[in-house]
Amino acid sequence: MAAKDEQTPPKKRPETINIGKQDPIPLIYPSAEGKSASPRQTDDFLFDEGLGDPPRTNTSVVRHSPAFPTRNTTQPTMTPIPLRRQKIMTRQLRTRPTQKIEREPRPSIVRKLMSMHWLFLVGLGMMAALILWIIGSAVLAWGMQRYYDIRYGTPRTYQVDQVVGQGGDSPAHPSHFIAINENHEAVVIELRADDPAKSITYTTPVYNGDSEAPVTLEFRDVTGDGKLDMIMHIHLTTQEQIAVFVNNGDQFIPASGNDHIKL
């Protein structure tokens, strides 16, 4: 009986205990020195012998295996929502300086004219000169009429005193002459010795029918007989009209082809 007991191997003490579905809990046995081994040391020994799981960390948390298997689902990555731009940034974007675009310089007018044909330039110059001449003539005529209005009035009237040796005039009592452009005719009234009762009228037509042309008088010896003759100057817009009256000692008569006139 004693031999039978000697052949029976001793029972191996359980090292772990299972509680439900939890991980097996290692059992701690006192060591030969009377001290208990730590769970860390027991796990290291079992792992080294190939009899247990790798050692666990020193933690008091007990992990439970899930009751149902879970699928390895990867959650879609969420695109981060950009932060709202500040008002200052918006103002800076609105007020940013604009880029200057460099443009090619346009050709000047002188270069354009130089590239044209010379005949075209000559014609253009002639047209410009003609336009300037027309405008200048109109401005000059208008200015002369305003000058005549101030000097001769309306109707145009010119007066002068002159001793011509007719009707008993003298330096003390010279003859008075009045020249008027009336109804397209140059009319000269002579008051001998400044006496209205001895008045004589001389007329001559005005060419071109210019009723605003003033008439002026000039007294000069044009026949060479020593007597003052009367010369009418009618100031037309485009030219000057001249009428000569010869002094015969008693009055003035229109000049003829027989008179040798030297103006």
C-alpha atoms as a PDB file:
ATOM      1  CA  MET A   1       0.000   0.000   0.000  1.00  0.00           C
ATOM      2  CA  ALA A   2       2.860   2.243   0.757  1.00  0.00           C
ATOM      3  CA  ALA A   3       4.441   1.420  -2.618  1.00  0.00           C
ATOM      4  CA  LYS A   4       1.271   2.366  -4.430  1.00  0.00           C
ATOM      5  CA  ASP A   5       1.199   5.716  -2.702  1.00  0.00           C
ATOM      6  CA  GLU A   6       4.763   6.343  -3.678  1.00  0.00           C
ATOM      7  CA  GLN A   7       4.074   5.761  -7.405  1.00  0.00           C
ATOM      8  CA  THR A   8       1.128   8.189  -7.550  1.00  0.00           C
ATOM      9  CA  PRO A   9       2.449  11.597  -8.724  1.00  0.00           C
ATOM     10  CA  PRO A  10       1.485  14.560  -6.675  1.00  0.00           C
ATOM     11  CA  LYS A  11      -1.301  16.726  -7.993  1.00  0.00           C
ATOM     12  CA  LYS A  12      -0.331  19.932  -9.665  1.00  0.00           C
ATOM     13  CA  ARG A  13      -1.772  22.930  -8.057  1.00  0.00           C
ATOM     14  CA  PRO A  14      -3.861  25.132 -10.302  1.00  0.00           C
ATOM     15  CA  GLU A  15      -2.170  28.280 -11.144  1.00  0.00           C
ATOM     16  CA  THR A  16      -5.211  30.180 -12.548  1.00  0.00           C
ATOM     17  CA  ILE A  17      -8.899  30.216 -11.898  1.00  0.00           C
ATOM     18  CA  ASN A  18     -11.627  31.091 -14.416  1.00  0.00           C
ATOM     19  CA  ILE A  19     -14.572  33.225 -13.296  1.00  0.00           C
ATOM     20  CA  GLY A  20     -17.323  33.378 -15.874  1.00  0.00           C
ATOM     21  CA  LYS A  21     -16.279  35.037 -19.125  1.00  0.00           C
ATOM     22  CA  GLN A  22     -13.550  37.045 -17.525  1.00  0.00           C
ATOM     23  CA  ASP A  23      -9.881  36.507 -18.159  1.00  0.00           C
ATOM     24  CA  PRO A  24      -8.323  33.822 -15.932  1.00  0.00           C
ATOM     25  CA  ILE A  25      -7.020  35.220 -12.652  1.00  0.00           C
ATOM     26  CA  PRO A  26      -3.640  33.889 -11.568  1.00  0.00           C
ATOM     27  CA  LEU A  27      -3.413  32.341  -8.107  1.00  0.00           C
ATOM     28  CA  ILE A  28      -0.736  33.547  -5.775  1.00  0.00           C
ATOM     29  CA  TYR A  29       1.064  30.980  -3.627  1.00  0.00           C
ATOM     30  CA  PRO A  30       3.503  31.670  -0.843  1.00  0.00           C
ATOM     31  CA  SER A  31       7.087  31.188  -1.793  1.00  0.00           C
ATOM     32  CA  ALA A  32       9.606  29.088   0.008  1.00  0.00           C
ATOM     33  CA  GLU A  33      10.881  32.080   1.862  1.00  0.00           C
ATOM     34  CA  GLY A  34       7.413  32.738   3.257  1.00  0.00           C
ATOM     35  CA  LYS A  35       6.712  35.657   0.882  1.00  0.00           C
ATOM     36  CA  SER A  36       4.058  35.762  -1.775  1.00  0.00           C
ATOM     37  CA  ALA A  37       5.031  36.290  -5.375  1.00  0.00           C
ATOM     38  CA  SER A  38       3.553  39.297  -7.185  1.00  0.00           C
ATOM     39  CA  PRO A  39       1.236  38.777 -10.136  1.00  0.00           C
ATOM     40  CA  ARG A  40       3.878  40.408 -12.332  1.00  0.00           C
ATOM     41  CA  GLN A  41       6.446  37.809 -11.345  1.00  0.00           C
ATOM     42  CA  THR A  42       3.989  34.920 -11.826  1.00  0.00           C
ATOM     43  CA  ASP A  43       3.018  36.096 -15.302  1.00  0.00           C
ATOM     44  CA  ASP A  44       6.633  36.481 -16.279  1.00  0.00           C
ATOM     45  CA  PHE A  45       7.400  32.925 -15.151  1.00  0.00           C
ATOM     46  CA  LEU A  46       4.442  31.403 -16.966  1.00  0.00           C
ATOM     47  CA  PHE A  47       5.217  33.339 -20.143  1.00  0.00           C
ATOM     48  CA  ASP A  48       8.819  32.269 -20.019  1.00  0.00           C
ATOM     49  CA  GLU A  49       7.771  28.601 -19.618  1.00  0.00           C
ATOM     50  CA  GLY A  50       5.324  28.875 -22.516  1.00  0.00           C
ATOM     51  CA  LEU A  51       2.310  28.155 -20.308  1.00  0.00           C
ATOM     52  CA  GLY A  52       0.527  31.506 -20.159  1.00  0.00           C
ATOM     53  CA  ASP A  53      -0.222  34.792 -21.779  1.00  0.00           C
ATOM     54  CA  PRO A  54       2.224  37.659 -21.913  1.00  0.00           C
ATOM     55  CA  PRO A  55       2.540  39.605 -18.705  1.00  0.00           C
ATOM     56  CA  ARG A  56       0.066  42.334 -17.927  1.00  0.00           C
ATOM     57  CA  THR A  57       0.774  45.766 -16.758  1.00  0.00           C
ATOM     58  CA  ASN A  58       0.277  46.839 -13.201  1.00  0.00           C
ATOM     59  CA  THR A  59      -3.280  48.089 -13.327  1.00  0.00           C
ATOM     60  CA  SER A  60      -6.441  47.591 -11.336  1.00  0.00           C
ATOM     61  CA  VAL A  61      -8.694  47.748 -14.371  1.00  0.00           C
ATOM     62  CA  VAL A  62     -10.405  44.513 -15.300  1.00  0.00           C
ATOM     63  CA  ARG A  63     -11.156  44.214 -18.997  1.00  0.00           C
ATOM     64  CA  HIS A  64     -14.149  42.172 -20.118  1.00  0.00           C
ATOM     65  CA  SER A  65     -14.377  40.618 -23.530  1.00  0.00           C
ATOM     66  CA  PRO A  66     -17.397  41.804 -25.550  1.00  0.00           C
ATOM     67  CA  ALA A  67     -20.462  39.552 -25.489  1.00  0.00           C
ATOM     68  CA  PHE A  68     -20.883  39.838 -29.256  1.00  0.00           C
ATOM     69  CA  PRO A  69     -18.181  40.131 -31.862  1.00  0.00           C
ATOM     70  CA  THR A  70     -17.791  43.661 -33.245  1.00  0.00           C
ATOM     71  CA  ARG A  71     -17.068  44.510 -36.831  1.00  0.00           C
ATOM     72  CA  ASN A  72     -14.017  46.413 -37.689  1.00  0.00           C
ATOM     73  CA  THR A  73     -15.759  49.429 -39.173  1.00  0.00           C
ATOM     74  CA  THR A  74     -13.727  52.474 -39.964  1.00  0.00           C
ATOM     75  CA  GLN A  75     -15.478  55.728 -39.385  1.00  0.00           C
ATOM     76  CA  PRO A  76     -15.274  58.193 -42.271  1.00  0.00           C
ATOM     77  CA  THR A  77     -12.895  60.970 -41.693  1.00  0.00           C
ATOM     78  CA  MET A  78     -14.715  64.239 -41.131  1.00  0.00           C
ATOM     79  CA  THR A  79     -13.493  67.208 -43.087  1.00  0.00           C
ATOM     80  CA  PRO A  80     -12.693  69.932 -40.617  1.00  0.00           C
ATOM     81  CA  ILE A  81     -14.950  72.946 -40.934  1.00  0.00           C
ATOM     82  CA  PRO A  82     -12.850  75.984 -41.755  1.00  0.00           C
ATOM     83  CA  LEU A  83     -13.004  78.789 -39.321  1.00  0.00           C
ATOM     84  CA  ARG A  84     -14.977  81.861 -40.282  1.00  0.00           C
ATOM     85  CA  ARG A  85     -12.836  84.625 -41.629  1.00  0.00           C
ATOM     86  CA  GLN A  86     -12.706  87.711 -39.575  1.00  0.00           C
ATOM     87  CA  LYS A  87     -14.124  90.976 -40.794  1.00  0.00           C
ATOM     88  CA  ILE A  88     -10.697  92.514 -40.876  1.00  0.00           C
ATOM     89  CA  MET A  89      -9.485  89.896 -43.314  1.00  0.00           C
ATOM     90  CA  THR A  90     -12.488  90.522 -45.561  1.00  0.00           C
ATOM     91  CA  ARG A  91     -11.786  94.235 -45.610  1.00  0.00           C
ATOM     92  CA  GLN A  92      -8.181  93.607 -46.444  1.00  0.00           C
ATOM     93  CA  LEU A  93      -9.199  91.402 -49.348  1.00  0.00           C
ATOM     94  CA  ARG A  94     -11.602  94.012 -50.655  1.00  0.00           C
ATOM     95  CA  THR A  95      -9.155  96.858 -50.359  1.00  0.00           C
ATOM     96  CA  ARG A  96      -6.128  95.098 -51.734  1.00  0.00           C
ATOM     97  CA  PRO A  97      -4.293  97.188 -54.307  1.00  0.00           C
ATOM     98  CA  THR A  98      -5.018  96.420 -57.916  1.00  0.00           C
ATOM     99  CA  GLN A  99      -2.184  95.320 -60.106  1.00  0.00           C
ATOM    100  CA  LYS A 100      -1.112  97.837 -62.713  1.00  0.00           C
ATOM    101  CA  ILE A 101      -1.215  96.404 -66.192  1.00  0.00           C
ATOM    102  CA  GLU A 102       1.507  97.817 -68.357  1.00  0.00           C
ATOM    103  CA  ARG A 103       0.157  98.748 -71.748  1.00  0.00           C
ATOM    104  CA  GLU A 104       2.067  99.444 -74.838  1.00  0.00           C
ATOM    105  CA  PRO A 105       2.379 103.190 -75.539  1.00  0.00           C
ATOM    106  CA  ARG A 106       0.069 104.415 -78.259  1.00  0.00           C
ATOM    107  CA  PRO A 107       1.647 106.007 -81.288  1.00  0.00           C
ATOM    108  CA  SER A 108       1.532 109.791 -81.209  1.00  0.00           C
ATOM    109  CA  ILE A 109      -0.349 111.916 -83.720  1.00  0.00           C
ATOM    110  CA  VAL A 110       2.935 113.121 -85.210  1.00  0.00           C
ATOM    111  CA  ARG A 111       4.010 109.562 -85.969  1.00  0.00           C
ATOM    112  CA  LYS A 112       0.634 108.782 -87.533  1.00  0.00           C
ATOM    113  CA  LEU A 113       0.877 111.859 -89.757  1.00  0.00           C
ATOM    114  CA  MET A 114       4.429 111.017 -90.761  1.00  0.00           C
ATOM    115  CA  SER A 115       3.313 107.561 -91.849  1.00  0.00           C
ATOM    116  CA  MET A 116       0.688 109.035 -94.236  1.00  0.00           C
ATOM    117  CA  HIS A 117       1.263 109.967 -97.876  1.00  0.00           C
ATOM    118  CA  TRP A 118       2.600 113.493 -98.464  1.00  0.00           C
ATOM    119  CA  LEU A 119      -0.191 114.359-100.930  1.00  0.00           C
ATOM    120  CA  PHE A 120      -2.763 113.649 -98.256  1.00  0.00           C
ATOM    121  CA  LEU A 121      -0.916 115.916 -95.857  1.00  0.00           C
ATOM    122  CA  VAL A 122      -0.760 118.706 -98.476  1.00  0.00           C
ATOM    123  CA  GLY A 123      -4.489 118.456 -99.123  1.00  0.00           C
ATOM    124  CA  LEU A 124      -5.192 118.425 -95.418  1.00  0.00           C
ATOM    125  CA  GLY A 125      -3.084 121.572 -94.945  1.00  0.00           C
ATOM    126  CA  MET A 126      -4.861 123.364 -97.795  1.00  0.00           C
ATOM    127  CA  MET A 127      -8.272 122.527 -96.369  1.00  0.00           C
ATOM    128  CA  ALA A 128      -7.193 123.750 -92.931  1.00  0.00           C
ATOM    129  CA  ALA A 129      -5.867 126.993 -94.445  1.00  0.00           C
ATOM    130  CA  LEU A 130      -9.108 127.532 -96.381  1.00  0.00           C
ATOM    131  CA  ILE A 131     -11.204 127.013 -93.266  1.00  0.00           C
ATOM    132  CA  LEU A 132      -9.022 129.402 -91.300  1.00  0.00           C
ATOM    133  CA  TRP A 133      -9.255 132.021 -94.066  1.00  0.00           C
ATOM    134  CA  ILE A 134     -13.057 131.822 -94.160  1.00  0.00           C
ATOM    135  CA  ILE A 135     -13.345 132.050 -90.403  1.00  0.00           C
ATOM    136  CA  GLY A 136     -10.788 134.860 -90.229  1.00  0.00           C
ATOM    137  CA  SER A 137     -12.558 136.863 -92.950  1.00  0.00           C
ATOM    138  CA  ALA A 138     -15.891 136.553 -91.192  1.00  0.00           C
ATOM    139  CA  VAL A 139     -14.396 137.603 -87.858  1.00  0.00           C
ATOM    140  CA  LEU A 140     -12.567 140.533 -89.472  1.00  0.00           C
ATOM    141  CA  ALA A 141     -15.710 141.775 -91.257  1.00  0.00           C
ATOM    142  CA  TRP A 142     -17.718 141.561 -88.061  1.00  0.00           C
ATOM    143  CA  GLY A 143     -15.021 143.461 -86.166  1.00  0.00           C
ATOM    144  CA  MET A 144     -14.825 146.205 -88.798  1.00  0.00           C
ATOM    145  CA  GLN A 145     -18.578 146.718 -88.748  1.00  0.00           C
ATOM    146  CA  ARG A 146     -18.499 147.118 -84.977  1.00  0.00           C
ATOM    147  CA  TYR A 147     -15.660 149.632 -85.350  1.00  0.00           C
ATOM    148  CA  TYR A 148     -17.665 151.624 -87.934  1.00  0.00           C
ATOM    149  CA  ASP A 149     -20.663 151.627 -85.622  1.00  0.00           C
ATOM    150  CA  ILE A 150     -18.596 153.277 -82.929  1.00  0.00           C
ATOM    151  CA  ARG A 151     -16.840 155.800 -85.182  1.00  0.00           C
ATOM    152  CA  TYR A 152     -19.447 156.684 -87.859  1.00  0.00           C
ATOM    153  CA  GLY A 153     -22.725 155.624 -86.254  1.00  0.00           C
ATOM    154  CA  THR A 154     -25.819 154.414 -88.143  1.00  0.00           C
ATOM    155  CA  PRO A 155     -26.337 155.544 -90.842  1.00  0.00           C
ATOM    156  CA  ARG A 156     -22.649 156.072 -91.557  1.00  0.00           C
ATOM    157  CA  THR A 157     -21.900 159.819 -91.372  1.00  0.00           C
ATOM    158  CA  TYR A 158     -18.673 161.725 -91.941  1.00  0.00           C
ATOM    159  CA  GLN A 159     -18.148 165.534 -91.504  1.00  0.00           C
ATOM    160  CA  VAL A 160     -15.213 167.823 -92.256  1.00  0.00           C
ATOM    161  CA  ASP A 161     -14.481 171.578 -92.749  1.00  0.00           C
ATOM    162  CA  GLN A 162     -12.353 172.657 -95.716  1.00  0.00           C
ATOM    163  CA  VAL A 163     -11.615 175.881 -97.649  1.00  0.00           C
ATOM    164  CA  VAL A 164     -11.993 175.029-101.357  1.00  0.00           C
ATOM    165  CA  GLY A 165     -12.465 178.532-102.862  1.00  0.00           C
ATOM    166  CA  GLN A 166     -16.150 178.237-103.632  1.00  0.00           C
ATOM    167  CA  GLY A 167     -19.089 180.417-102.493  1.00  0.00           C
ATOM    168  CA  GLY A 168     -16.902 182.986-100.759  1.00  0.00           C
ATOM    169  CA  ASP A 169     -15.526 180.608 -98.115  1.00  0.00           C
ATOM    170  CA  SER A 170     -12.439 181.625 -96.159  1.00  0.00           C
ATOM    171  CA  PRO A 171     -10.379 180.331 -93.289  1.00  0.00           C
ATOM    172  CA  ALA A 172     -12.707 182.232 -90.982  1.00  0.00           C
ATOM    173  CA  HIS A 173     -15.760 180.681 -92.615  1.00  0.00           C
ATOM    174  CA  PRO A 174     -14.739 177.359 -94.249  1.00  0.00           C
ATOM    175  CA  SER A 175     -17.149 175.220 -96.150  1.00  0.00           C
ATOM    176  CA  HIS A 176     -18.719 172.326 -94.250  1.00  0.00           C
ATOM    177  CA  PHE A 177     -19.037 168.896 -95.946  1.00  0.00           C
ATOM    178  CA  ILE A 178     -21.260 166.033 -94.765  1.00  0.00           C
ATOM    179  CA  ALA A 179     -20.867 162.553 -96.351  1.00  0.00           C
ATOM    180  CA  ILE A 180     -23.577 159.902 -95.816  1.00  0.00           C
ATOM    181  CA  ASN A 181     -24.152 156.378 -97.162  1.00  0.00           C
ATOM    182  CA  GLU A 182     -27.901 156.533 -97.660  1.00  0.00           C
ATOM    183  CA  ASN A 183     -29.954 153.950 -99.578  1.00  0.00           C
ATOM    184  CA  HIS A 184     -26.859 152.445-101.281  1.00  0.00           C
ATOM    185  CA  GLU A 185     -25.688 155.870-102.482  1.00  0.00           C
ATOM    186  CA  ALA A 186     -22.834 158.051-101.307  1.00  0.00           C
ATOM    187  CA  VAL A 187     -24.318 161.529-100.699  1.00  0.00           C
ATOM    188  CA  VAL A 188     -22.120 164.583-100.018  1.00  0.00           C
ATOM    189  CA  ILE A 189     -23.713 167.851 -98.889  1.00  0.00           C
ATOM    190  CA  GLU A 190     -21.571 170.997 -99.222  1.00  0.00           C
ATOM    191  CA  LEU A 191     -22.497 174.027 -97.079  1.00  0.00           C
ATOM    192  CA  ARG A 192     -20.532 176.851 -98.716  1.00  0.00           C
ATOM    193  CA  ALA A 193     -18.974 179.192 -96.200  1.00  0.00           C
ATOM    194  CA  ASP A 194     -20.935 177.181 -93.630  1.00  0.00           C
ATOM    195  CA  ASP A 195     -24.199 178.668 -94.971  1.00  0.00           C
ATOM    196  CA  PRO A 196     -27.098 176.176 -95.338  1.00  0.00           C
ATOM    197  CA  ALA A 197     -28.718 178.435 -97.947  1.00  0.00           C
ATOM    198  CA  LYS A 198     -25.732 177.856-100.267  1.00  0.00           C
ATOM    199  CA  SER A 199     -25.772 174.078-100.011  1.00  0.00           C
ATOM    200  CA  ILE A 200     -24.982 171.775-102.979  1.00  0.00           C
ATOM    201  CA  THR A 201     -25.442 167.966-103.080  1.00  0.00           C
ATOM    202  CA  TYR A 202     -23.197 165.456-104.863  1.00  0.00           C
ATOM    203  CA  THR A 203     -24.083 161.766-105.235  1.00  0.00           C
ATOM    204  CA  THR A 204     -22.456 158.625-106.578  1.00  0.00           C
ATOM    205  CA  PRO A 205     -23.700 155.015-106.485  1.00  0.00           C
ATOM    206  CA  VAL A 206     -22.159 152.522-104.081  1.00  0.00           C
ATOM    207  CA  TYR A 207     -21.057 149.309-105.700  1.00  0.00           C
ATOM    208  CA  ASN A 208     -22.099 145.927-104.263  1.00  0.00           C
ATOM    209  CA  GLY A 209     -25.026 147.659-102.535  1.00  0.00           C
ATOM    210  CA  ASP A 210     -23.204 147.842 -99.205  1.00  0.00           C
ATOM    211  CA  SER A 211     -25.372 150.169 -97.117  1.00  0.00           C
ATOM    212  CA  GLU A 212     -23.060 149.978 -94.085  1.00  0.00           C
ATOM    213  CA  ALA A 213     -19.876 151.123 -95.833  1.00  0.00           C
ATOM    214  CA  PRO A 214     -18.746 154.508 -94.485  1.00  0.00           C
ATOM    215  CA  VAL A 215     -17.877 157.361 -96.876  1.00  0.00           C
ATOM    216  CA  THR A 216     -14.927 159.646 -96.170  1.00  0.00           C
ATOM    217  CA  LEU A 217     -13.657 162.737 -98.075  1.00  0.00           C
ATOM    218  CA  GLU A 218     -10.190 163.826 -99.120  1.00  0.00           C
ATOM    219  CA  PHE A 219      -9.292 167.205-100.699  1.00  0.00           C
ATOM    220  CA  ARG A 220      -6.238 167.202-102.925  1.00  0.00           C
ATOM    221  CA  ASP A 221      -5.173 168.729-106.296  1.00  0.00           C
ATOM    222  CA  VAL A 222      -5.173 165.739-108.690  1.00  0.00           C
ATOM    223  CA  THR A 223      -5.379 167.697-111.963  1.00  0.00           C
ATOM    224  CA  GLY A 224      -2.457 170.082-111.348  1.00  0.00           C
ATOM    225  CA  ASP A 225      -4.419 173.335-111.826  1.00  0.00           C
ATOM    226  CA  GLY A 226      -3.793 174.606-108.292  1.00  0.00           C
ATOM    227  CA  LYS A 227      -7.345 173.982-107.055  1.00  0.00           C
ATOM    228  CA  LEU A 228      -8.376 171.418-104.423  1.00  0.00           C
ATOM    229  CA  ASP A 229     -10.407 168.566-105.876  1.00  0.00           C
ATOM    230  CA  MET A 230     -12.723 166.313-103.858  1.00  0.00           C
ATOM    231  CA  ILE A 231     -12.093 162.546-103.624  1.00  0.00           C
ATOM    232  CA  MET A 232     -14.740 160.207-102.160  1.00  0.00           C
ATOM    233  CA  HIS A 233     -13.518 157.044-100.430  1.00  0.00           C
ATOM    234  CA  ILE A 234     -16.211 154.405 -99.976  1.00  0.00           C
ATOM    235  CA  HIS A 235     -14.896 151.741 -97.615  1.00  0.00           C
ATOM    236  CA  LEU A 236     -16.465 148.497 -98.780  1.00  0.00           C
ATOM    237  CA  THR A 237     -15.928 145.187 -97.016  1.00  0.00           C
ATOM    238  CA  THR A 238     -13.731 143.619 -99.698  1.00  0.00           C
ATOM    239  CA  GLN A 239     -12.314 146.686-101.452  1.00  0.00           C
ATOM    240  CA  GLU A 240     -12.347 150.478-101.537  1.00  0.00           C
ATOM    241  CA  GLN A 241     -14.364 152.451-104.073  1.00  0.00           C
ATOM    242  CA  ILE A 242     -13.045 155.862-105.162  1.00  0.00           C
ATOM    243  CA  ALA A 243     -14.953 158.699-106.861  1.00  0.00           C
ATOM    244  CA  VAL A 244     -13.179 161.913-108.031  1.00  0.00           C
ATOM    245  CA  PHE A 245     -14.885 165.314-108.408  1.00  0.00           C
ATOM    246  CA  VAL A 246     -12.915 168.076-110.130  1.00  0.00           C
ATOM    247  CA  ASN A 247     -13.044 171.692-108.863  1.00  0.00           C
ATOM    248  CA  ASN A 248     -13.884 174.099-111.714  1.00  0.00           C
ATOM    249  CA  GLY A 249     -13.809 177.223-109.499  1.00  0.00           C
ATOM    250  CA  ASP A 250     -17.558 177.324-108.867  1.00  0.00           C
ATOM    251  CA  GLN A 251     -18.444 173.755-107.853  1.00  0.00           C
ATOM    252  CA  PHE A 252     -17.338 170.144-108.104  1.00  0.00           C
ATOM    253  CA  ILE A 253     -18.115 168.103-111.235  1.00  0.00           C
ATOM    254  CA  PRO A 254     -17.502 164.377-111.842  1.00  0.00           C
ATOM    255  CA  ALA A 255     -14.155 163.657-113.469  1.00  0.00           C
ATOM    256  CA  SER A 256     -14.052 162.672-117.155  1.00  0.00           C
ATOM    257  CA  GLY A 257     -11.523 161.039-119.423  1.00  0.00           C
ATOM    258  CA  ASN A 258     -10.218 164.425-120.579  1.00  0.00           C
ATOM    259  CA  ASP A 259      -8.982 165.285-117.069  1.00  0.00           C
ATOM    260  CA  HIS A 260      -5.431 164.282-116.359  1.00  0.00           C
ATOM    261  CA  ILE A 261      -5.896 162.797-112.872  1.00  0.00           C
ATOM    262  CA  LYS A 262      -2.925 161.763-110.783  1.00  0.00           C
ATOM    263  CA  LEU A 263      -3.998 160.047-107.593  1.00  0.00           C
END
